[in-house]
Amino acid sequence: MIIKNFDEIKKIRTSCYLASQVLEMIKKYIIPGITTKKLDKICNLYIINNQKAIPACLGYKGFPKSVCISVNDTVCHGIPKNKKLKNGDIVNIDVTILKNGFFGDTSKMFLVGKVKNSNKLLCNITQQSLYLSIYKIKPGIKLNTIGNNIEKFIKFKNNYSIVKKYCGHGIGKKFHELPNILHFKNNNNIILKKGMIFTIEPIINLGKNKVFILKDGWTVKTKDKSLSAQYEHTILVTSNGCEIMTIRKNENIPKIIINK
């Protein structure tokens, strides 16, 4: 568990802001007919040329692209390819920025064209589960409060499940640090403290939670071919609540949350 100081928080905040800007920038390009490879290239050029930053996913443990793009039944770590997006697809884009030696990490869902209401609802419920957990964060609570509340919310939704193989994580000078952030009921009794920074990134399936990895070693799919959605924010624990470091414009949640 790493507690960040003022200067570290300032640098992480910059990386997080840049990551959120990539997701805002790419929205207008997500239309039927564009390839995920093209979207990756747009993100890559924007990060390098406009933001003067590093796309942290590129080359990370051998990952071949600048962002992860996961479509429909791809759970996470989707490798951008020449496959075109279709009307009705749901798409997660996961962006991690490295700037001045510090990381910022975020992802969100995008809807391609006209999407079925049931699939829109999956994305909405997933985002709600993230927001619900963020509203609980403050110093002094147990880390398992996050996962316990996500599971409590999700288990009342028909046929939804939480992917348990992947979790959130601490972040700072390293892409992945401790603690691990589980998105389901657990017994992790670590106490949150001011200055902790970590990601919360629940993955919710419109079916069972069993997944498998393709031969490429990265792309994670649902076993039952059900759709999957994920939202992610990087969170700073403050003295009386938390700050959403990767918040985007027009999100229906405050950047600074006071939890007395």
Foldseek 3Di string as FASTA:
>chain_A
DDFDDPVQVVQQLLQLQVQLVLVVVLQVVQEFPAFLVVSQVVSQCCCCPVVVWALVQPCDVHQPTSKWKAKFQFQTQHRTDRDTDHQAIKIKIWTWIADPLWIFIWIAIHHYHDHDPVVVVQRVLQVVLVQVLQLPDAFFAFLQSSQDSSAVSQVVDPQKDWQFPAFKAWTTSDRHHDDTRTNHHDDRGDTDDARTKMKGKIKMWSHDNDWDDDPVRGTIGHPVSTTMTITMFIWGHHNFGIAGSNDYPPDPHDRDHGHD
